[in-house]
Amino acid sequence: MSALNKDEKYLALLEELTKYDMLLEQLQKTMSEGFINLGRANFHNKDSLRGRYGSDYYDESFEGLVEVRIADKDKFTMYKKNDHIEESKEDEEKNSEEEGLKSRKSNSKSKDKSTKNKKIKDPINMFGAGFLIPSSLRQSQTNFKNTTTVIFDLVNCKNELLKDMELIKKEKGIENV
């Protein structure tokens, strides 16, 4: 029975390795497509006075659209800031209902101001307004956004691999090398 249990652990380890390898290939593909599309956007932008898309173009007022949560010490998840802002809007609405009718008008004005301040802009808008942004730059942004999800999956898969390897090492009595 213990031999079957050992085989199951090795099979789980091989499945994790296969998943990790697949995720690495996916990361390579999305990163290369992102840089190819960025190169295309730079080629079409060569006549611009501002030059190439890159760190010189960045506007520091823009914030990231994704944040990381660490559920366990080995499990990472990401969420969009828009989801977090919508949750805070619901909390504000609950609080305003409890305050009563007298302060109704003042709360609605302050609520409008706070939602305007919390509105998160798409960072691609720093390169132009709407239709002026090259489609290849939009495709590059999409590729790099997809890359972030792959990176999180890779990190979580690596942590699972390390756990499985530690279990096998403990079972065999092998010290850390």
N, C-alpha and C. Protein backbone atom coordinates (compact mmCIF):
# COMPACT_ATOMS: atom_id res chain seq x y z
N MET A 1 0.82 -1.19 0.00
CA MET A 1 0.00 0.00 0.00
C MET A 1 0.86 1.26 0.00
N SER A 2 2.01 1.21 0.71
CA SER A 2 2.89 2.37 0.76
C SER A 2 3.56 2.61 -0.59
N ALA A 3 3.80 1.55 -1.36
CA ALA A 3 4.39 1.72 -2.69
C ALA A 3 3.43 2.47 -3.61
N LEU A 4 2.14 2.17 -3.46
CA LEU A 4 1.14 2.88 -4.24
C LEU A 4 1.10 4.35 -3.85
N ASN A 5 1.22 4.63 -2.56
CA ASN A 5 1.22 6.00 -2.07
C ASN A 5 2.44 6.76 -2.62
N LYS A 6 3.61 6.08 -2.66
CA LYS A 6 4.81 6.70 -3.20
C LYS A 6 4.63 7.01 -4.68
N ASP A 7 4.04 6.05 -5.40
CA ASP A 7 3.80 6.26 -6.83
C ASP A 7 2.88 7.44 -7.06
N GLU A 8 1.86 7.58 -6.22
CA GLU A 8 0.94 8.70 -6.36
C GLU A 8 1.64 10.04 -6.13
N LYS A 9 2.58 10.05 -5.17
CA LYS A 9 3.34 11.28 -4.91
C LYS A 9 4.22 11.63 -6.10
N TYR A 10 4.85 10.61 -6.69
CA TYR A 10 5.70 10.87 -7.85
C TYR A 10 4.86 11.30 -9.05
N LEU A 11 3.69 10.71 -9.22
CA LEU A 11 2.80 11.11 -10.31
C LEU A 11 2.33 12.55 -10.13
N ALA A 12 2.02 12.92 -8.88
CA ALA A 12 1.61 14.30 -8.61
C ALA A 12 2.75 15.26 -8.91
N LEU A 13 3.97 14.86 -8.57
CA LEU A 13 5.14 15.69 -8.86
C LEU A 13 5.33 15.85 -10.37
N LEU A 14 5.17 14.76 -11.11
CA LEU A 14 5.30 14.83 -12.57
C LEU A 14 4.21 15.69 -13.20
N GLU A 15 3.01 15.61 -12.68
CA GLU A 15 1.92 16.45 -13.18
C GLU A 15 2.21 17.93 -12.93
N GLU A 16 2.74 18.24 -11.75
CA GLU A 16 3.11 19.62 -11.44
C GLU A 16 4.24 20.10 -12.35
N LEU A 17 5.22 19.24 -12.62
CA LEU A 17 6.30 19.60 -13.53
C LEU A 17 5.79 19.86 -14.94
N THR A 18 4.86 19.03 -15.39
CA THR A 18 4.26 19.22 -16.71
C THR A 18 3.51 20.55 -16.77
N LYS A 19 2.76 20.84 -15.73
CA LYS A 19 2.03 22.11 -15.68
C LYS A 19 2.99 23.29 -15.66
N TYR A 20 4.07 23.17 -14.90
CA TYR A 20 5.06 24.23 -14.82
C TYR A 20 5.72 24.47 -16.17
N ASP A 21 6.05 23.40 -16.87
CA ASP A 21 6.66 23.51 -18.20
C ASP A 21 5.70 24.18 -19.18
N MET A 22 4.43 23.80 -19.13
CA MET A 22 3.43 24.40 -20.01
C MET A 22 3.28 25.90 -19.72
N LEU A 23 3.29 26.26 -18.45
CA LEU A 23 3.17 27.67 -18.08
C LEU A 23 4.39 28.47 -18.52
N LEU A 24 5.58 27.86 -18.45
CA LEU A 24 6.79 28.55 -18.94
C LEU A 24 6.70 28.82 -20.44
N GLU A 25 6.21 27.83 -21.19
CA GLU A 25 6.04 28.03 -22.63
C GLU A 25 5.02 29.13 -22.92
N GLN A 26 3.93 29.14 -22.15
CA GLN A 26 2.91 30.16 -22.32
C GLN A 26 3.47 31.54 -21.97
N LEU A 27 4.28 31.63 -20.94
CA LEU A 27 4.90 32.90 -20.56
C LEU A 27 5.82 33.39 -21.68
N GLN A 28 6.62 32.50 -22.23
CA GLN A 28 7.51 32.87 -23.32
C GLN A 28 6.72 33.40 -24.52
N LYS A 29 5.63 32.73 -24.84
CA LYS A 29 4.82 33.13 -25.99
C LYS A 29 4.18 34.50 -25.78
N THR A 30 3.57 34.71 -24.62
CA THR A 30 2.89 35.99 -24.39
C THR A 30 3.88 37.14 -24.27
N MET A 31 5.04 36.91 -23.65
CA MET A 31 6.04 37.96 -23.55
C MET A 31 6.58 38.33 -24.93
N SER A 32 6.89 37.33 -25.75
CA SER A 32 7.44 37.62 -27.08
C SER A 32 6.40 38.35 -27.93
N GLU A 33 5.12 37.93 -27.87
CA GLU A 33 4.08 38.63 -28.62
C GLU A 33 3.92 40.06 -28.14
N GLY A 34 4.04 40.27 -26.82
CA GLY A 34 3.94 41.62 -26.28
C GLY A 34 5.05 42.52 -26.78
N PHE A 35 6.28 42.02 -26.78
CA PHE A 35 7.40 42.84 -27.25
C PHE A 35 7.36 43.04 -28.76
N ILE A 36 6.87 42.05 -29.51
CA ILE A 36 6.72 42.23 -30.96
C ILE A 36 5.70 43.33 -31.24
N ASN A 37 4.57 43.31 -30.55
CA ASN A 37 3.56 44.34 -30.76
C ASN A 37 4.05 45.72 -30.30
N LEU A 38 4.85 45.75 -29.23
CA LEU A 38 5.43 47.01 -28.79
C LEU A 38 6.40 47.54 -29.84
N GLY A 39 7.17 46.67 -30.44
CA GLY A 39 8.06 47.08 -31.52
C GLY A 39 7.30 47.62 -32.72
N ARG A 40 6.19 46.99 -33.04
CA ARG A 40 5.34 47.49 -34.14
C ARG A 40 4.81 48.89 -33.82
N ALA A 41 4.36 49.07 -32.59
CA ALA A 41 3.85 50.38 -32.19
C ALA A 41 4.94 51.43 -32.27
N ASN A 42 6.15 51.09 -31.85
CA ASN A 42 7.27 52.03 -31.95
C ASN A 42 7.62 52.33 -33.40
N PHE A 43 7.52 51.34 -34.27
CA PHE A 43 7.81 51.56 -35.68
C PHE A 43 6.81 52.55 -36.28
N HIS A 44 5.55 52.40 -35.94
CA HIS A 44 4.53 53.30 -36.49
C HIS A 44 4.57 54.67 -35.82
N ASN A 45 5.26 54.78 -34.70
CA ASN A 45 5.35 56.04 -33.96
C ASN A 45 6.67 56.76 -34.25
N LYS A 46 7.43 56.31 -35.22
CA LYS A 46 8.78 56.85 -35.43
C LYS A 46 8.78 58.31 -35.84
N ASP A 47 7.71 58.82 -36.43
CA ASP A 47 7.66 60.21 -36.86
C ASP A 47 7.20 61.15 -35.75
N SER A 48 6.83 60.60 -34.63
CA SER A 48 6.35 61.40 -33.52
C SER A 48 7.49 62.17 -32.88
N LEU A 49 7.17 63.33 -32.33
CA LEU A 49 8.17 64.14 -31.64
C LEU A 49 8.61 63.51 -30.32
N ARG A 50 7.72 62.74 -29.72
CA ARG A 50 8.02 62.17 -28.41
C ARG A 50 8.91 60.94 -28.47
N GLY A 51 9.02 60.32 -29.61
CA GLY A 51 9.91 59.17 -29.74
C GLY A 51 9.21 57.85 -29.49
N ARG A 52 9.97 56.91 -28.92
CA ARG A 52 9.50 55.54 -28.73
C ARG A 52 8.65 55.42 -27.47
N TYR A 53 7.77 54.41 -27.47
CA TYR A 53 7.01 54.10 -26.26
C TYR A 53 7.96 53.42 -25.29
N GLY A 54 8.03 53.93 -24.11
CA GLY A 54 8.93 53.37 -23.11
C GLY A 54 8.84 54.18 -21.83
N SER A 55 9.86 54.06 -21.00
CA SER A 55 9.82 54.71 -19.69
C SER A 55 9.84 56.22 -19.79
N ASP A 56 10.36 56.78 -20.89
CA ASP A 56 10.34 58.24 -21.05
C ASP A 56 8.92 58.75 -21.27
N TYR A 57 8.06 57.91 -21.74
CA TYR A 57 6.68 58.26 -22.02
C TYR A 57 5.79 58.22 -20.77
N TYR A 58 6.22 57.50 -19.73
CA TYR A 58 5.36 57.21 -18.60
C TYR A 58 4.96 58.46 -17.85
N ASP A 59 3.71 58.45 -17.43
CA ASP A 59 3.16 59.48 -16.56
C ASP A 59 3.04 58.87 -15.18
N GLU A 60 3.70 59.44 -14.21
CA GLU A 60 3.76 58.86 -12.87
C GLU A 60 2.42 58.92 -12.12
N SER A 61 1.43 59.62 -12.66
CA SER A 61 0.14 59.72 -11.96
C SER A 61 -0.70 58.47 -12.12
N PHE A 62 -0.37 57.62 -13.06
CA PHE A 62 -1.14 56.39 -13.27
C PHE A 62 -0.71 55.32 -12.29
N GLU A 63 -1.69 54.56 -11.82
CA GLU A 63 -1.44 53.46 -10.89
C GLU A 63 -1.72 52.14 -11.59
N GLY A 64 -1.21 51.09 -11.04
CA GLY A 64 -1.48 49.76 -11.58
C GLY A 64 -2.93 49.37 -11.39
N LEU A 65 -3.41 48.51 -12.25
CA LEU A 65 -4.80 48.06 -12.20
C LEU A 65 -4.97 46.76 -11.44
N VAL A 66 -3.86 46.12 -11.07
CA VAL A 66 -3.91 44.81 -10.43
C VAL A 66 -3.09 44.86 -9.15
N GLU A 67 -3.62 44.21 -8.12
CA GLU A 67 -2.90 44.09 -6.86
C GLU A 67 -2.82 42.62 -6.46
N VAL A 68 -1.89 42.33 -5.56
CA VAL A 68 -1.63 40.96 -5.15
C VAL A 68 -2.13 40.75 -3.74
N ARG A 69 -2.74 39.60 -3.51
CA ARG A 69 -3.10 39.16 -2.17
C ARG A 69 -2.38 37.85 -1.90
N ILE A 70 -1.89 37.73 -0.69
CA ILE A 70 -1.22 36.50 -0.29
C ILE A 70 -2.15 35.78 0.66
N ALA A 71 -2.79 34.72 0.16
CA ALA A 71 -3.76 33.97 0.97
C ALA A 71 -3.04 33.17 2.05
N ASP A 72 -2.17 32.31 1.66
CA ASP A 72 -1.32 31.56 2.58
C ASP A 72 0.10 32.05 2.35
N LYS A 73 1.04 31.43 3.03
CA LYS A 73 2.42 31.84 2.78
C LYS A 73 2.90 31.37 1.42
N ASP A 74 2.20 30.41 0.82
CA ASP A 74 2.62 29.88 -0.47
C ASP A 74 1.62 30.12 -1.59
N LYS A 75 0.51 30.81 -1.33
CA LYS A 75 -0.54 30.97 -2.33
C LYS A 75 -0.76 32.45 -2.61
N PHE A 76 -0.55 32.85 -3.87
CA PHE A 76 -0.73 34.23 -4.29
C PHE A 76 -1.95 34.33 -5.19
N THR A 77 -2.74 35.36 -5.00
CA THR A 77 -3.85 35.64 -5.89
C THR A 77 -3.79 37.11 -6.28
N MET A 78 -4.39 37.43 -7.41
CA MET A 78 -4.42 38.82 -7.83
C MET A 78 -5.86 39.25 -8.03
N TYR A 79 -6.09 40.53 -7.83
CA TYR A 79 -7.42 41.07 -8.06
C TYR A 79 -7.29 42.44 -8.69
N LYS A 80 -8.33 42.85 -9.37
CA LYS A 80 -8.34 44.15 -10.03
C LYS A 80 -8.75 45.21 -9.03
N LYS A 81 -8.17 46.37 -9.13
CA LYS A 81 -8.49 47.46 -8.21
C LYS A 81 -9.94 47.90 -8.38
N ASN A 82 -10.49 47.77 -9.58
CA ASN A 82 -11.88 48.16 -9.80
C ASN A 82 -12.83 47.36 -8.93
N ASP A 83 -12.54 46.07 -8.74
CA ASP A 83 -13.36 45.23 -7.88
C ASP A 83 -13.30 45.73 -6.45
N HIS A 84 -12.12 46.12 -6.01
CA HIS A 84 -11.94 46.63 -4.64
C HIS A 84 -12.69 47.95 -4.46
N ILE A 85 -12.67 48.81 -5.48
CA ILE A 85 -13.36 50.10 -5.38
C ILE A 85 -14.86 49.90 -5.34
N GLU A 86 -15.38 48.96 -6.13
CA GLU A 86 -16.82 48.70 -6.10
C GLU A 86 -17.25 48.20 -4.73
N GLU A 87 -16.41 47.38 -4.08
CA GLU A 87 -16.73 46.92 -2.73
C GLU A 87 -16.79 48.09 -1.76
N SER A 88 -15.86 49.04 -1.88
CA SER A 88 -15.87 50.18 -0.97
C SER A 88 -17.06 51.09 -1.24
N LYS A 89 -17.52 51.18 -2.49
CA LYS A 89 -18.72 51.97 -2.80
C LYS A 89 -19.94 51.37 -2.11
N GLU A 90 -20.04 50.03 -2.11
CA GLU A 90 -21.16 49.38 -1.44
C GLU A 90 -21.13 49.64 0.06
N ASP A 91 -19.94 49.62 0.65
CA ASP A 91 -19.81 49.92 2.07
C ASP A 91 -20.22 51.35 2.38
N GLU A 92 -19.84 52.29 1.51
CA GLU A 92 -20.22 53.69 1.70
C GLU A 92 -21.74 53.85 1.61
N GLU A 93 -22.38 53.14 0.69
CA GLU A 93 -23.84 53.24 0.56
C GLU A 93 -24.53 52.72 1.81
N LYS A 94 -24.03 51.64 2.38
CA LYS A 94 -24.62 51.11 3.61
C LYS A 94 -24.49 52.11 4.74
N ASN A 95 -23.32 52.74 4.84
CA ASN A 95 -23.09 53.72 5.91
C ASN A 95 -23.97 54.95 5.74
N SER A 96 -24.19 55.38 4.51
CA SER A 96 -24.99 56.57 4.28
C SER A 96 -26.47 56.32 4.57
N GLU A 97 -26.94 55.09 4.35
CA GLU A 97 -28.33 54.77 4.66
C GLU A 97 -28.59 54.82 6.16
N GLU A 98 -27.59 54.49 6.93
CA GLU A 98 -27.73 54.47 8.38
C GLU A 98 -27.73 55.86 8.99
N GLU A 99 -27.17 56.85 8.32
CA GLU A 99 -27.03 58.18 8.91
C GLU A 99 -28.34 58.95 8.98
N GLY A 100 -29.29 58.67 8.14
CA GLY A 100 -30.57 59.35 8.22
C GLY A 100 -30.83 60.28 7.06
N LEU A 101 -31.99 60.95 7.12
CA LEU A 101 -32.43 61.78 6.02
C LEU A 101 -31.83 63.19 6.05
N LYS A 102 -31.47 63.71 7.20
CA LYS A 102 -31.00 65.09 7.30
C LYS A 102 -29.71 65.33 6.50
N SER A 103 -28.82 64.42 6.56
CA SER A 103 -27.54 64.61 5.89
C SER A 103 -27.51 63.95 4.51
N ARG A 104 -28.66 63.72 3.95
CA ARG A 104 -28.76 62.99 2.69
C ARG A 104 -28.06 63.73 1.54
N LYS A 105 -28.31 65.04 1.41
CA LYS A 105 -27.74 65.80 0.30
C LYS A 105 -26.23 65.93 0.44
N SER A 106 -25.74 66.18 1.60
CA SER A 106 -24.30 66.36 1.78
C SER A 106 -23.55 65.05 1.54
N ASN A 107 -24.16 63.93 1.92
CA ASN A 107 -23.50 62.64 1.69
C ASN A 107 -23.42 62.31 0.21
N SER A 108 -24.44 62.65 -0.55
CA SER A 108 -24.41 62.33 -1.97
C SER A 108 -23.34 63.14 -2.67
N LYS A 109 -23.12 64.40 -2.25
CA LYS A 109 -22.07 65.20 -2.85
C LYS A 109 -20.70 64.65 -2.49
N SER A 110 -20.51 64.29 -1.24
CA SER A 110 -19.21 63.77 -0.84
C SER A 110 -18.96 62.40 -1.46
N LYS A 111 -20.02 61.61 -1.66
CA LYS A 111 -19.87 60.31 -2.29
C LYS A 111 -19.43 60.47 -3.75
N ASP A 112 -20.00 61.47 -4.45
CA ASP A 112 -19.60 61.71 -5.83
C ASP A 112 -18.14 62.12 -5.92
N LYS A 113 -17.69 62.96 -4.99
CA LYS A 113 -16.30 63.39 -4.99
C LYS A 113 -15.36 62.23 -4.71
N SER A 114 -15.74 61.38 -3.76
CA SER A 114 -14.85 60.26 -3.42
C SER A 114 -14.77 59.24 -4.56
N THR A 115 -15.87 59.03 -5.30
CA THR A 115 -15.81 58.08 -6.41
C THR A 115 -15.01 58.66 -7.56
N LYS A 116 -15.03 59.99 -7.74
CA LYS A 116 -14.20 60.59 -8.78
C LYS A 116 -12.73 60.44 -8.45
N ASN A 117 -12.39 60.61 -7.19
CA ASN A 117 -11.00 60.47 -6.79
C ASN A 117 -10.52 59.04 -6.91
N LYS A 118 -11.41 58.08 -6.69
CA LYS A 118 -11.03 56.67 -6.72
C LYS A 118 -11.11 56.05 -8.10
N LYS A 119 -11.62 56.79 -9.07
CA LYS A 119 -11.75 56.23 -10.41
C LYS A 119 -10.37 55.95 -10.98
N ILE A 120 -10.17 54.73 -11.43
CA ILE A 120 -8.87 54.32 -11.94
C ILE A 120 -8.91 54.37 -13.47
N LYS A 121 -7.90 55.02 -14.01
CA LYS A 121 -7.81 55.18 -15.46
C LYS A 121 -6.99 54.04 -16.05
N ASP A 122 -7.30 53.73 -17.30
CA ASP A 122 -6.51 52.74 -18.02
C ASP A 122 -5.17 53.38 -18.37
N PRO A 123 -4.05 52.78 -17.99
CA PRO A 123 -2.75 53.40 -18.23
C PRO A 123 -2.41 53.63 -19.69
N ILE A 124 -3.05 52.94 -20.59
CA ILE A 124 -2.73 53.14 -22.01
C ILE A 124 -3.17 54.52 -22.49
N ASN A 125 -4.08 55.16 -21.74
CA ASN A 125 -4.55 56.49 -22.12
C ASN A 125 -3.48 57.57 -21.97
N MET A 126 -2.37 57.27 -21.32
CA MET A 126 -1.30 58.27 -21.21
C MET A 126 -0.59 58.45 -22.55
N PHE A 127 -0.80 57.54 -23.49
CA PHE A 127 -0.15 57.62 -24.79
C PHE A 127 -1.02 58.27 -25.85
N GLY A 128 -2.18 58.72 -25.49
CA GLY A 128 -3.07 59.38 -26.43
C GLY A 128 -4.51 59.19 -26.01
N ALA A 129 -5.39 59.82 -26.74
CA ALA A 129 -6.81 59.73 -26.41
C ALA A 129 -7.48 58.75 -27.35
N GLY A 130 -8.15 57.77 -26.77
CA GLY A 130 -9.01 56.82 -27.48
C GLY A 130 -8.48 56.28 -28.79
N PHE A 131 -8.92 56.88 -29.90
CA PHE A 131 -8.63 56.35 -31.22
C PHE A 131 -7.20 56.68 -31.68
N LEU A 132 -6.46 57.52 -30.98
CA LEU A 132 -5.10 57.86 -31.38
C LEU A 132 -4.07 56.81 -30.95
N ILE A 133 -4.47 55.91 -30.08
CA ILE A 133 -3.56 54.88 -29.60
C ILE A 133 -3.48 53.78 -30.65
N PRO A 134 -2.27 53.42 -31.08
CA PRO A 134 -2.14 52.37 -32.10
C PRO A 134 -2.69 51.03 -31.61
N SER A 135 -3.28 50.29 -32.52
CA SER A 135 -3.86 48.99 -32.14
C SER A 135 -2.77 48.02 -31.68
N SER A 136 -1.58 48.14 -32.25
CA SER A 136 -0.50 47.26 -31.83
C SER A 136 -0.08 47.55 -30.38
N LEU A 137 -0.22 48.80 -29.94
CA LEU A 137 0.09 49.12 -28.55
C LEU A 137 -0.99 48.54 -27.63
N ARG A 138 -2.24 48.58 -28.06
CA ARG A 138 -3.32 47.96 -27.28
C ARG A 138 -3.12 46.44 -27.19
N GLN A 139 -2.72 45.82 -28.31
CA GLN A 139 -2.46 44.38 -28.30
C GLN A 139 -1.29 44.05 -27.39
N SER A 140 -0.28 44.91 -27.38
CA SER A 140 0.87 44.71 -26.49
C SER A 140 0.43 44.77 -25.04
N GLN A 141 -0.44 45.73 -24.71
CA GLN A 141 -0.94 45.83 -23.34
C GLN A 141 -1.72 44.58 -22.96
N THR A 142 -2.54 44.08 -23.87
CA THR A 142 -3.30 42.85 -23.60
C THR A 142 -2.36 41.67 -23.36
N ASN A 143 -1.32 41.56 -24.18
CA ASN A 143 -0.37 40.47 -24.00
C ASN A 143 0.32 40.55 -22.65
N PHE A 144 0.74 41.74 -22.25
CA PHE A 144 1.43 41.87 -20.96
C PHE A 144 0.47 41.67 -19.78
N LYS A 145 -0.80 42.04 -19.95
CA LYS A 145 -1.78 41.75 -18.90
C LYS A 145 -1.95 40.24 -18.74
N ASN A 146 -2.00 39.53 -19.86
CA ASN A 146 -2.11 38.07 -19.79
C ASN A 146 -0.87 37.46 -19.16
N THR A 147 0.26 38.09 -19.34
CA THR A 147 1.51 37.61 -18.77
C THR A 147 1.46 37.63 -17.25
N THR A 148 0.80 38.63 -16.67
CA THR A 148 0.75 38.71 -15.21
C THR A 148 0.00 37.52 -14.63
N THR A 149 -1.08 37.09 -15.26
CA THR A 149 -1.80 35.92 -14.75
C THR A 149 -0.95 34.66 -14.86
N VAL A 150 -0.20 34.55 -15.96
CA VAL A 150 0.67 33.39 -16.14
C VAL A 150 1.77 33.38 -15.07
N ILE A 151 2.30 34.55 -14.75
CA ILE A 151 3.36 34.63 -13.73
C ILE A 151 2.82 34.19 -12.38
N PHE A 152 1.62 34.60 -12.03
CA PHE A 152 1.04 34.18 -10.75
C PHE A 152 0.82 32.67 -10.74
N ASP A 153 0.36 32.12 -11.85
CA ASP A 153 0.19 30.67 -11.93
C ASP A 153 1.53 29.95 -11.80
N LEU A 154 2.57 30.52 -12.41
CA LEU A 154 3.91 29.93 -12.30
C LEU A 154 4.42 29.93 -10.86
N VAL A 155 4.23 31.02 -10.18
CA VAL A 155 4.70 31.11 -8.78
C VAL A 155 3.96 30.11 -7.92
N ASN A 156 2.64 30.02 -8.07
CA ASN A 156 1.87 29.07 -7.28
C ASN A 156 2.24 27.63 -7.63
N CYS A 157 2.48 27.36 -8.91
CA CYS A 157 2.88 26.01 -9.33
C CYS A 157 4.26 25.66 -8.76
N LYS A 158 5.17 26.61 -8.77
CA LYS A 158 6.51 26.36 -8.21
C LYS A 158 6.42 26.06 -6.72
N ASN A 159 5.57 26.79 -6.02
CA ASN A 159 5.41 26.52 -4.58
C ASN A 159 4.85 25.12 -4.34
N GLU A 160 3.91 24.69 -5.17
CA GLU A 160 3.38 23.33 -5.06
C GLU A 160 4.46 22.29 -5.35
N LEU A 161 5.28 22.57 -6.36
CA LEU A 161 6.39 21.66 -6.67
C LEU A 161 7.34 21.53 -5.49
N LEU A 162 7.67 22.65 -4.88
CA LEU A 162 8.58 22.60 -3.74
C LEU A 162 7.98 21.83 -2.57
N LYS A 163 6.68 21.98 -2.35
CA LYS A 163 6.01 21.21 -1.29
C LYS A 163 6.09 19.71 -1.57
N ASP A 164 5.77 19.34 -2.84
CA ASP A 164 5.81 17.93 -3.20
C ASP A 164 7.21 17.36 -3.07
N MET A 165 8.21 18.13 -3.47
CA MET A 165 9.60 17.65 -3.37
C MET A 165 10.03 17.50 -1.91
N GLU A 166 9.57 18.40 -1.06
CA GLU A 166 9.91 18.29 0.37
C GLU A 166 9.27 17.04 0.98
N LEU A 167 8.03 16.73 0.58
CA LEU A 167 7.38 15.53 1.08
C LEU A 167 8.14 14.27 0.68
N ILE A 168 8.59 14.24 -0.56
CA ILE A 168 9.34 13.08 -1.04
C ILE A 168 10.69 12.99 -0.34
N LYS A 169 11.34 14.13 -0.13
CA LYS A 169 12.63 14.12 0.57
C LYS A 169 12.48 13.65 2.01
N LYS A 170 11.43 14.09 2.68
CA LYS A 170 11.20 13.66 4.06
C LYS A 170 10.94 12.17 4.13
N GLU A 171 10.20 11.69 3.15
CA GLU A 171 9.87 10.26 3.12
C GLU A 171 11.12 9.40 2.92
N LYS A 172 12.04 9.90 2.09
CA LYS A 172 13.28 9.15 1.85
C LYS A 172 14.34 9.45 2.90
N GLY A 173 14.15 10.49 3.70
CA GLY A 173 15.13 10.85 4.71
C GLY A 173 16.32 11.60 4.16
N ILE A 174 16.11 12.31 3.05
CA ILE A 174 17.19 13.07 2.42
C ILE A 174 17.21 14.47 3.02
N GLU A 175 18.38 14.94 3.37
CA GLU A 175 18.56 16.29 3.89
C GLU A 175 18.52 17.28 2.72
N ASN A 176 18.28 18.55 3.04
CA ASN A 176 18.31 19.58 1.99
C ASN A 176 19.73 19.71 1.46
N VAL A 177 19.82 19.76 0.15
CA VAL A 177 21.13 19.83 -0.49
C VAL A 177 21.47 21.26 -0.80
